[in-house]
Amino acid sequence: MRWDIRWAGFGGQGVIRAGEILGSAAVKQGLDSALRPMYGPEKTGGWSRADVVISDQPIIFPLIVRPDILIAMSQDGMNRDGSSLKKDGMLLIDGELVKDIKCYPSKVYSVDATNIADSLGRRIVANIVMLGAFVKAFRIVNEDILLQTIIETFPKAAELNKTAFKLGMENVKEVKI
């Protein structure tokens, strides 16, 4: 099975780092993974995107044309990349920042990642909240392996990231459109 996953947001949200962590976790569980990070010329606040391909077969063509899953962490990301989602694709949004869905997914999941991260005192962990929501909603990678990858990536913030990850898992919900 091949999963084409697109993370879309703005610089400073950790979109690319989330893609790196997801791809690393997939490789640790024996899957193949490829990452294509993209971002605008602005230092912070410009557009940011991470395309992650995960497959149980070798990845011959690593580019994503129509993602199976879109994770929109900002309205701008949704506006820019929503139309790229496959007709039967699935969507995960930061419900606090994305109010207008610009595509027709088969399923929509939402978590208020930025609000949860703010409640923890570190907005920067919104991407970790989204990773928790991602693993709960889509079950593509193993939850324990993904959490361990996060901890290995940020060992000094292990407790904060464990909490953010678990809150993402606990607070993601499917929404009807």
N, C-alpha and C. Protein backbone atom coordinates (compact mmCIF):
# COMPACT_ATOMS: atom_id res chain seq x y z
N MET A 1 0.84 -1.19 0.00
CA MET A 1 0.00 0.00 0.00
C MET A 1 0.88 1.24 0.00
N ARG A 2 0.50 2.23 -0.77
CA ARG A 2 1.22 3.50 -0.83
C ARG A 2 0.30 4.61 -0.32
N TRP A 3 0.86 5.46 0.53
CA TRP A 3 0.14 6.61 1.06
C TRP A 3 0.88 7.87 0.63
N ASP A 4 0.19 8.78 -0.06
CA ASP A 4 0.73 10.09 -0.42
C ASP A 4 0.12 11.11 0.55
N ILE A 5 0.97 11.73 1.35
CA ILE A 5 0.52 12.58 2.45
C ILE A 5 1.13 13.97 2.27
N ARG A 6 0.29 14.99 2.31
CA ARG A 6 0.75 16.37 2.16
C ARG A 6 0.43 17.16 3.43
N TRP A 7 1.47 17.72 4.07
CA TRP A 7 1.33 18.64 5.19
C TRP A 7 1.42 20.05 4.63
N ALA A 8 0.46 20.90 4.96
CA ALA A 8 0.46 22.27 4.45
C ALA A 8 0.22 23.25 5.59
N GLY A 9 1.01 24.31 5.61
CA GLY A 9 0.85 25.33 6.63
C GLY A 9 1.74 26.51 6.31
N PHE A 10 2.26 27.13 7.37
CA PHE A 10 3.18 28.25 7.17
C PHE A 10 4.44 28.04 7.99
N GLY A 11 5.51 28.72 7.58
CA GLY A 11 6.80 28.59 8.24
C GLY A 11 6.70 28.93 9.72
N GLY A 12 7.30 28.10 10.55
CA GLY A 12 7.26 28.29 11.98
C GLY A 12 6.32 27.33 12.68
N GLN A 13 5.47 26.63 11.90
CA GLN A 13 4.55 25.66 12.49
C GLN A 13 5.18 24.27 12.64
N GLY A 14 6.31 24.04 12.05
CA GLY A 14 6.94 22.73 12.13
C GLY A 14 6.37 21.72 11.13
N VAL A 15 5.84 22.22 10.03
CA VAL A 15 5.26 21.35 9.00
C VAL A 15 6.32 20.39 8.45
N ILE A 16 7.46 20.92 8.09
CA ILE A 16 8.52 20.08 7.51
C ILE A 16 9.07 19.11 8.55
N ARG A 17 9.25 19.58 9.76
CA ARG A 17 9.73 18.70 10.84
C ARG A 17 8.74 17.56 11.07
N ALA A 18 7.43 17.84 11.03
CA ALA A 18 6.43 16.79 11.20
C ALA A 18 6.56 15.75 10.09
N GLY A 19 6.79 16.21 8.86
CA GLY A 19 6.99 15.28 7.75
C GLY A 19 8.23 14.42 7.94
N GLU A 20 9.31 15.03 8.42
CA GLU A 20 10.54 14.28 8.69
C GLU A 20 10.30 13.20 9.75
N ILE A 21 9.62 13.57 10.82
CA ILE A 21 9.36 12.63 11.92
C ILE A 21 8.48 11.49 11.42
N LEU A 22 7.42 11.80 10.68
CA LEU A 22 6.53 10.77 10.16
C LEU A 22 7.28 9.81 9.25
N GLY A 23 8.08 10.34 8.35
CA GLY A 23 8.86 9.48 7.46
C GLY A 23 9.85 8.61 8.20
N SER A 24 10.52 9.16 9.19
CA SER A 24 11.48 8.38 9.99
C SER A 24 10.78 7.26 10.74
N ALA A 25 9.61 7.54 11.31
CA ALA A 25 8.86 6.50 12.03
C ALA A 25 8.45 5.38 11.08
N ALA A 26 8.05 5.74 9.88
CA ALA A 26 7.66 4.72 8.89
C ALA A 26 8.83 3.80 8.57
N VAL A 27 10.01 4.39 8.38
CA VAL A 27 11.21 3.59 8.08
C VAL A 27 11.54 2.66 9.25
N LYS A 28 11.40 3.16 10.46
CA LYS A 28 11.68 2.33 11.65
C LYS A 28 10.77 1.12 11.75
N GLN A 29 9.59 1.19 11.16
CA GLN A 29 8.72 0.03 11.22
C GLN A 29 8.77 -0.79 9.93
N GLY A 30 9.82 -0.54 9.12
CA GLY A 30 10.07 -1.38 7.96
C GLY A 30 9.41 -0.94 6.67
N LEU A 31 8.85 0.26 6.65
CA LEU A 31 8.24 0.79 5.44
C LEU A 31 9.25 1.65 4.70
N ASP A 32 8.96 1.96 3.46
CA ASP A 32 9.79 2.87 2.68
C ASP A 32 9.17 4.25 2.80
N SER A 33 10.00 5.30 2.75
CA SER A 33 9.49 6.65 2.90
C SER A 33 10.34 7.62 2.09
N ALA A 34 9.68 8.66 1.59
CA ALA A 34 10.37 9.74 0.88
C ALA A 34 9.73 11.06 1.32
N LEU A 35 10.56 12.09 1.43
CA LEU A 35 10.10 13.40 1.87
C LEU A 35 10.53 14.44 0.85
N ARG A 36 9.61 15.35 0.54
CA ARG A 36 9.93 16.49 -0.32
C ARG A 36 9.47 17.76 0.40
N PRO A 37 10.41 18.46 1.05
CA PRO A 37 10.04 19.70 1.73
C PRO A 37 10.01 20.87 0.74
N MET A 38 9.07 21.79 0.94
CA MET A 38 8.97 22.98 0.11
C MET A 38 8.56 24.15 0.99
N TYR A 39 9.06 25.33 0.65
CA TYR A 39 8.70 26.51 1.44
C TYR A 39 8.98 27.75 0.63
N GLY A 40 8.31 28.84 1.04
CA GLY A 40 8.47 30.12 0.37
C GLY A 40 9.76 30.80 0.79
N PRO A 41 10.06 31.94 0.20
CA PRO A 41 11.33 32.63 0.47
C PRO A 41 11.37 33.36 1.81
N GLU A 42 10.22 33.53 2.45
CA GLU A 42 10.19 34.24 3.73
C GLU A 42 10.89 33.42 4.81
N LYS A 43 11.49 34.11 5.77
CA LYS A 43 12.19 33.40 6.84
C LYS A 43 11.21 32.65 7.74
N THR A 44 10.15 33.32 8.17
CA THR A 44 9.10 32.71 8.97
C THR A 44 7.77 33.31 8.54
N GLY A 45 6.74 32.50 8.52
CA GLY A 45 5.41 32.99 8.20
C GLY A 45 4.98 32.79 6.77
N GLY A 46 5.90 32.44 5.87
CA GLY A 46 5.54 32.16 4.48
C GLY A 46 5.00 30.74 4.37
N TRP A 47 4.60 30.36 3.18
CA TRP A 47 4.03 29.02 3.00
C TRP A 47 5.07 27.93 3.24
N SER A 48 4.59 26.80 3.68
CA SER A 48 5.44 25.65 3.96
C SER A 48 4.66 24.39 3.64
N ARG A 49 5.35 23.41 3.07
CA ARG A 49 4.69 22.16 2.72
C ARG A 49 5.70 21.02 2.82
N ALA A 50 5.22 19.88 3.27
CA ALA A 50 6.03 18.66 3.30
C ALA A 50 5.22 17.54 2.67
N ASP A 51 5.71 17.00 1.57
CA ASP A 51 5.08 15.85 0.93
C ASP A 51 5.81 14.60 1.40
N VAL A 52 5.05 13.67 1.98
CA VAL A 52 5.62 12.44 2.52
C VAL A 52 4.96 11.26 1.82
N VAL A 53 5.77 10.41 1.24
CA VAL A 53 5.27 9.17 0.65
C VAL A 53 5.69 8.03 1.56
N ILE A 54 4.74 7.19 1.92
CA ILE A 54 5.00 6.00 2.74
C ILE A 54 4.46 4.81 1.97
N SER A 55 5.28 3.75 1.88
CA SER A 55 4.86 2.59 1.10
C SER A 55 5.46 1.31 1.68
N ASP A 56 4.76 0.21 1.47
CA ASP A 56 5.31 -1.09 1.85
C ASP A 56 6.12 -1.70 0.70
N GLN A 57 6.24 -0.96 -0.40
CA GLN A 57 7.05 -1.35 -1.55
C GLN A 57 8.09 -0.25 -1.79
N PRO A 58 9.16 -0.55 -2.52
CA PRO A 58 10.11 0.51 -2.86
C PRO A 58 9.41 1.66 -3.59
N ILE A 59 9.77 2.87 -3.26
CA ILE A 59 9.16 4.05 -3.86
C ILE A 59 9.95 4.40 -5.13
N ILE A 60 9.33 4.21 -6.27
CA ILE A 60 9.97 4.48 -7.55
C ILE A 60 9.77 5.95 -7.94
N PHE A 61 8.56 6.45 -7.75
CA PHE A 61 8.21 7.83 -8.10
C PHE A 61 7.84 8.55 -6.80
N PRO A 62 8.74 9.35 -6.24
CA PRO A 62 8.49 9.93 -4.91
C PRO A 62 7.67 11.22 -4.91
N LEU A 63 7.28 11.72 -6.07
CA LEU A 63 6.53 12.97 -6.11
C LEU A 63 5.03 12.72 -5.92
N ILE A 64 4.39 13.66 -5.24
CA ILE A 64 2.95 13.56 -5.01
C ILE A 64 2.23 14.50 -5.97
N VAL A 65 1.32 13.95 -6.72
CA VAL A 65 0.49 14.74 -7.61
C VAL A 65 -0.85 15.00 -6.92
N ARG A 66 -1.49 13.95 -6.43
CA ARG A 66 -2.78 14.03 -5.75
C ARG A 66 -2.67 13.29 -4.43
N PRO A 67 -2.54 13.99 -3.31
CA PRO A 67 -2.36 13.28 -2.04
C PRO A 67 -3.61 12.51 -1.61
N ASP A 68 -3.37 11.39 -0.93
CA ASP A 68 -4.44 10.61 -0.31
C ASP A 68 -4.93 11.32 0.95
N ILE A 69 -3.99 11.98 1.63
CA ILE A 69 -4.28 12.67 2.88
C ILE A 69 -3.67 14.06 2.82
N LEU A 70 -4.45 15.05 3.23
CA LEU A 70 -3.97 16.41 3.36
C LEU A 70 -4.10 16.81 4.82
N ILE A 71 -3.02 17.29 5.41
CA ILE A 71 -3.03 17.85 6.75
C ILE A 71 -2.85 19.34 6.60
N ALA A 72 -3.92 20.10 6.87
CA ALA A 72 -3.89 21.55 6.72
C ALA A 72 -3.77 22.18 8.11
N MET A 73 -2.62 22.83 8.34
CA MET A 73 -2.38 23.47 9.63
C MET A 73 -2.69 24.96 9.60
N SER A 74 -3.11 25.48 8.44
CA SER A 74 -3.49 26.89 8.33
C SER A 74 -4.51 27.04 7.20
N GLN A 75 -5.25 28.13 7.25
CA GLN A 75 -6.22 28.40 6.18
C GLN A 75 -5.49 28.62 4.86
N ASP A 76 -4.34 29.29 4.91
CA ASP A 76 -3.56 29.51 3.69
C ASP A 76 -3.13 28.17 3.09
N GLY A 77 -2.70 27.23 3.94
CA GLY A 77 -2.34 25.90 3.45
C GLY A 77 -3.52 25.20 2.80
N MET A 78 -4.68 25.33 3.41
CA MET A 78 -5.90 24.74 2.83
C MET A 78 -6.23 25.41 1.50
N ASN A 79 -6.16 26.74 1.46
CA ASN A 79 -6.47 27.45 0.23
C ASN A 79 -5.52 27.06 -0.90
N ARG A 80 -4.25 26.91 -0.57
CA ARG A 80 -3.23 26.63 -1.58
C ARG A 80 -3.27 25.17 -2.03
N ASP A 81 -3.48 24.24 -1.09
CA ASP A 81 -3.31 22.82 -1.42
C ASP A 81 -4.58 21.98 -1.37
N GLY A 82 -5.69 22.56 -0.93
CA GLY A 82 -6.93 21.80 -0.82
C GLY A 82 -7.37 21.16 -2.13
N SER A 83 -7.24 21.88 -3.21
CA SER A 83 -7.70 21.35 -4.50
C SER A 83 -6.83 20.20 -5.02
N SER A 84 -5.69 19.97 -4.40
CA SER A 84 -4.83 18.87 -4.85
C SER A 84 -5.26 17.52 -4.28
N LEU A 85 -6.08 17.51 -3.22
CA LEU A 85 -6.50 16.27 -2.57
C LEU A 85 -7.28 15.39 -3.54
N LYS A 86 -6.99 14.08 -3.50
CA LYS A 86 -7.76 13.13 -4.31
C LYS A 86 -9.24 13.24 -3.98
N LYS A 87 -10.07 12.90 -4.93
CA LYS A 87 -11.52 12.99 -4.75
C LYS A 87 -11.98 12.18 -3.52
N ASP A 88 -11.41 11.03 -3.31
CA ASP A 88 -11.79 10.19 -2.16
C ASP A 88 -10.77 10.30 -1.03
N GLY A 89 -9.98 11.37 -1.04
CA GLY A 89 -8.94 11.56 -0.03
C GLY A 89 -9.51 11.94 1.32
N MET A 90 -8.62 11.98 2.31
CA MET A 90 -9.00 12.32 3.68
C MET A 90 -8.26 13.58 4.11
N LEU A 91 -8.88 14.31 5.02
CA LEU A 91 -8.38 15.61 5.44
C LEU A 91 -8.28 15.67 6.96
N LEU A 92 -7.18 16.22 7.44
CA LEU A 92 -7.00 16.52 8.87
C LEU A 92 -6.68 18.00 8.96
N ILE A 93 -7.47 18.73 9.77
CA ILE A 93 -7.27 20.17 9.88
C ILE A 93 -7.01 20.58 11.32
N ASP A 94 -6.31 21.70 11.46
CA ASP A 94 -6.26 22.39 12.75
C ASP A 94 -7.56 23.19 12.79
N GLY A 95 -8.52 22.72 13.55
CA GLY A 95 -9.86 23.29 13.56
C GLY A 95 -9.92 24.73 14.02
N GLU A 96 -8.89 25.18 14.72
CA GLU A 96 -8.84 26.56 15.17
C GLU A 96 -8.45 27.50 14.03
N LEU A 97 -7.60 27.03 13.12
CA LEU A 97 -7.06 27.89 12.07
C LEU A 97 -7.69 27.68 10.70
N VAL A 98 -8.30 26.53 10.49
CA VAL A 98 -8.91 26.22 9.19
C VAL A 98 -10.43 26.21 9.36
N LYS A 99 -11.07 27.18 8.76
CA LYS A 99 -12.54 27.32 8.89
C LYS A 99 -13.27 27.03 7.59
N ASP A 100 -12.58 27.18 6.47
CA ASP A 100 -13.21 27.03 5.16
C ASP A 100 -12.50 25.91 4.40
N ILE A 101 -13.17 24.79 4.25
CA ILE A 101 -12.58 23.63 3.58
C ILE A 101 -12.70 23.81 2.07
N LYS A 102 -11.56 23.72 1.38
CA LYS A 102 -11.50 23.98 -0.06
C LYS A 102 -11.36 22.70 -0.88
N CYS A 103 -12.00 21.62 -0.42
CA CYS A 103 -11.93 20.36 -1.16
C CYS A 103 -13.13 19.51 -0.75
N TYR A 104 -13.25 18.34 -1.33
CA TYR A 104 -14.37 17.45 -1.06
C TYR A 104 -13.85 16.08 -0.63
N PRO A 105 -13.33 15.99 0.58
CA PRO A 105 -12.75 14.73 1.05
C PRO A 105 -13.83 13.72 1.43
N SER A 106 -13.42 12.45 1.51
CA SER A 106 -14.34 11.41 1.95
C SER A 106 -14.51 11.47 3.47
N LYS A 107 -13.47 11.89 4.18
CA LYS A 107 -13.54 12.04 5.64
C LYS A 107 -12.74 13.27 6.04
N VAL A 108 -13.25 13.96 7.07
CA VAL A 108 -12.56 15.11 7.63
C VAL A 108 -12.37 14.89 9.12
N TYR A 109 -11.14 15.07 9.57
CA TYR A 109 -10.82 15.01 10.99
C TYR A 109 -10.32 16.38 11.42
N SER A 110 -10.61 16.72 12.67
CA SER A 110 -10.21 18.03 13.17
C SER A 110 -9.66 17.90 14.59
N VAL A 111 -8.67 18.72 14.87
CA VAL A 111 -8.14 18.86 16.23
C VAL A 111 -7.69 20.32 16.36
N ASP A 112 -7.96 20.92 17.49
CA ASP A 112 -7.54 22.31 17.72
C ASP A 112 -6.09 22.33 18.20
N ALA A 113 -5.20 21.99 17.30
CA ALA A 113 -3.78 21.79 17.64
C ALA A 113 -3.13 23.04 18.21
N THR A 114 -3.39 24.18 17.59
CA THR A 114 -2.76 25.42 18.06
C THR A 114 -3.27 25.78 19.45
N ASN A 115 -4.55 25.62 19.68
CA ASN A 115 -5.13 25.91 20.99
C ASN A 115 -4.55 24.97 22.06
N ILE A 116 -4.43 23.69 21.73
CA ILE A 116 -3.84 22.73 22.67
C ILE A 116 -2.39 23.09 22.96
N ALA A 117 -1.64 23.41 21.91
CA ALA A 117 -0.23 23.79 22.10
C ALA A 117 -0.12 25.04 22.96
N ASP A 118 -0.99 26.02 22.72
CA ASP A 118 -0.99 27.24 23.55
C ASP A 118 -1.29 26.91 25.01
N SER A 119 -2.19 25.97 25.24
CA SER A 119 -2.53 25.60 26.62
C SER A 119 -1.35 24.94 27.33
N LEU A 120 -0.45 24.38 26.55
CA LEU A 120 0.77 23.77 27.12
C LEU A 120 1.89 24.79 27.27
N GLY A 121 1.63 26.01 26.81
CA GLY A 121 2.62 27.08 26.94
C GLY A 121 3.66 27.12 25.84
N ARG A 122 3.49 26.31 24.80
CA ARG A 122 4.48 26.26 23.70
C ARG A 122 3.77 26.02 22.37
N ARG A 123 3.46 27.08 21.68
CA ARG A 123 2.77 26.97 20.40
C ARG A 123 3.54 26.09 19.41
N ILE A 124 4.82 26.02 19.58
CA ILE A 124 5.69 25.27 18.67
C ILE A 124 5.34 23.77 18.63
N VAL A 125 4.63 23.25 19.64
CA VAL A 125 4.30 21.82 19.64
C VAL A 125 2.98 21.51 18.93
N ALA A 126 2.41 22.48 18.22
CA ALA A 126 1.18 22.21 17.46
C ALA A 126 1.40 21.08 16.45
N ASN A 127 2.60 21.01 15.88
CA ASN A 127 2.88 19.94 14.92
C ASN A 127 2.88 18.56 15.59
N ILE A 128 3.31 18.51 16.84
CA ILE A 128 3.31 17.25 17.59
C ILE A 128 1.87 16.85 17.92
N VAL A 129 1.04 17.83 18.27
CA VAL A 129 -0.38 17.57 18.47
C VAL A 129 -0.98 16.98 17.19
N MET A 130 -0.62 17.57 16.06
CA MET A 130 -1.12 17.08 14.77
C MET A 130 -0.64 15.66 14.47
N LEU A 131 0.60 15.35 14.85
CA LEU A 131 1.09 13.99 14.66
C LEU A 131 0.29 13.00 15.50
N GLY A 132 -0.07 13.38 16.73
CA GLY A 132 -0.92 12.52 17.55
C GLY A 132 -2.28 12.31 16.91
N ALA A 133 -2.86 13.38 16.40
CA ALA A 133 -4.15 13.29 15.72
C ALA A 133 -4.04 12.43 14.46
N PHE A 134 -2.94 12.61 13.73
CA PHE A 134 -2.70 11.85 12.50
C PHE A 134 -2.69 10.35 12.78
N VAL A 135 -1.91 9.95 13.79
CA VAL A 135 -1.77 8.51 14.06
C VAL A 135 -3.10 7.91 14.51
N LYS A 136 -3.88 8.64 15.26
CA LYS A 136 -5.18 8.15 15.73
C LYS A 136 -6.17 8.07 14.57
N ALA A 137 -6.20 9.06 13.71
CA ALA A 137 -7.17 9.11 12.61
C ALA A 137 -6.86 8.10 11.50
N PHE A 138 -5.59 7.95 11.15
CA PHE A 138 -5.25 7.20 9.94
C PHE A 138 -4.56 5.86 10.16
N ARG A 139 -3.93 5.66 11.29
CA ARG A 139 -3.31 4.37 11.65
C ARG A 139 -2.35 3.84 10.58
N ILE A 140 -1.58 4.72 9.98
CA ILE A 140 -0.62 4.30 8.95
C ILE A 140 0.68 3.84 9.59
N VAL A 141 1.12 4.57 10.60
CA VAL A 141 2.32 4.19 11.33
C VAL A 141 1.94 3.80 12.76
N ASN A 142 2.82 3.05 13.38
CA ASN A 142 2.60 2.59 14.75
C ASN A 142 2.72 3.75 15.73
N GLU A 143 1.75 3.87 16.61
CA GLU A 143 1.71 4.96 17.59
C GLU A 143 2.96 5.00 18.47
N ASP A 144 3.39 3.85 18.97
CA ASP A 144 4.56 3.80 19.86
C ASP A 144 5.84 4.18 19.13
N ILE A 145 5.98 3.71 17.90
CA ILE A 145 7.17 4.05 17.11
C ILE A 145 7.18 5.54 16.78
N LEU A 146 6.03 6.10 16.44
CA LEU A 146 5.97 7.53 16.14
C LEU A 146 6.32 8.35 17.37
N LEU A 147 5.77 7.99 18.53
CA LEU A 147 6.09 8.73 19.76
C LEU A 147 7.57 8.61 20.09
N GLN A 148 8.14 7.43 19.94
CA GLN A 148 9.57 7.24 20.21
C GLN A 148 10.42 8.08 19.26
N THR A 149 10.02 8.18 18.01
CA THR A 149 10.74 9.01 17.04
C THR A 149 10.69 10.48 17.44
N ILE A 150 9.54 10.93 17.91
CA ILE A 150 9.42 12.32 18.40
C ILE A 150 10.38 12.55 19.56
N ILE A 151 10.39 11.63 20.51
CA ILE A 151 11.25 11.77 21.69
C ILE A 151 12.73 11.77 21.29
N GLU A 152 13.11 10.91 20.36
CA GLU A 152 14.50 10.88 19.88
C GLU A 152 14.87 12.17 19.15
N THR A 153 13.90 12.77 18.47
CA THR A 153 14.15 14.01 17.73
C THR A 153 14.33 15.19 18.68
N PHE A 154 13.55 15.21 19.75
CA PHE A 154 13.57 16.32 20.72
C PHE A 154 13.74 15.77 22.14
N PRO A 155 14.89 15.20 22.47
CA PRO A 155 15.05 14.56 23.79
C PRO A 155 14.89 15.52 24.97
N LYS A 156 15.25 16.78 24.81
CA LYS A 156 15.14 17.73 25.92
C LYS A 156 13.70 18.13 26.21
N ALA A 157 12.81 17.90 25.26
CA ALA A 157 11.40 18.26 25.43
C ALA A 157 10.51 17.01 25.43
N ALA A 158 11.05 15.90 25.92
CA ALA A 158 10.33 14.63 25.85
C ALA A 158 8.98 14.67 26.54
N GLU A 159 8.91 15.19 27.75
CA GLU A 159 7.65 15.20 28.49
C GLU A 159 6.62 16.10 27.84
N LEU A 160 7.03 17.27 27.42
CA LEU A 160 6.12 18.19 26.73
C LEU A 160 5.57 17.55 25.46
N ASN A 161 6.44 16.93 24.69
CA ASN A 161 6.01 16.32 23.44
C ASN A 161 5.13 15.09 23.67
N LYS A 162 5.40 14.31 24.70
CA LYS A 162 4.52 13.18 25.04
C LYS A 162 3.12 13.69 25.33
N THR A 163 3.05 14.75 26.11
CA THR A 163 1.75 15.32 26.46
C THR A 163 1.05 15.86 25.22
N ALA A 164 1.76 16.60 24.38
CA ALA A 164 1.17 17.16 23.16
C ALA A 164 0.67 16.04 22.24
N PHE A 165 1.46 15.01 22.07
CA PHE A 165 1.10 13.87 21.22
C PHE A 165 -0.17 13.19 21.74
N LYS A 166 -0.21 12.92 23.02
CA LYS A 166 -1.37 12.24 23.61
C LYS A 166 -2.62 13.11 23.53
N LEU A 167 -2.47 14.42 23.73
CA LEU A 167 -3.62 15.31 23.61
C LEU A 167 -4.14 15.36 22.18
N GLY A 168 -3.23 15.27 21.21
CA GLY A 168 -3.66 15.18 19.82
C GLY A 168 -4.47 13.93 19.56
N MET A 169 -4.02 12.81 20.09
CA MET A 169 -4.75 11.55 19.93
C MET A 169 -6.11 11.60 20.61
N GLU A 170 -6.15 12.20 21.80
CA GLU A 170 -7.39 12.23 22.58
C GLU A 170 -8.42 13.22 22.02
N ASN A 171 -7.98 14.25 21.33
CA ASN A 171 -8.89 15.32 20.92
C ASN A 171 -9.25 15.34 19.45
N VAL A 172 -8.69 14.46 18.64
CA VAL A 172 -9.06 14.44 17.23
C VAL A 172 -10.46 13.85 17.10
N LYS A 173 -11.22 14.44 16.20
CA LYS A 173 -12.58 13.95 15.99
C LYS A 173 -12.93 14.02 14.50
N GLU A 174 -13.76 13.09 14.08
CA GLU A 174 -14.26 13.15 12.71
C GLU A 174 -15.38 14.17 12.69
N VAL A 175 -15.38 15.03 11.68
CA VAL A 175 -16.42 16.04 11.55
C VAL A 175 -17.20 15.80 10.25
N LYS A 176 -18.46 16.11 10.28
CA LYS A 176 -19.32 15.97 9.10
C LYS A 176 -19.29 17.27 8.32
N ILE A 177 -19.18 17.15 7.02
CA ILE A 177 -19.19 18.36 6.18
C ILE A 177 -20.44 18.41 5.33
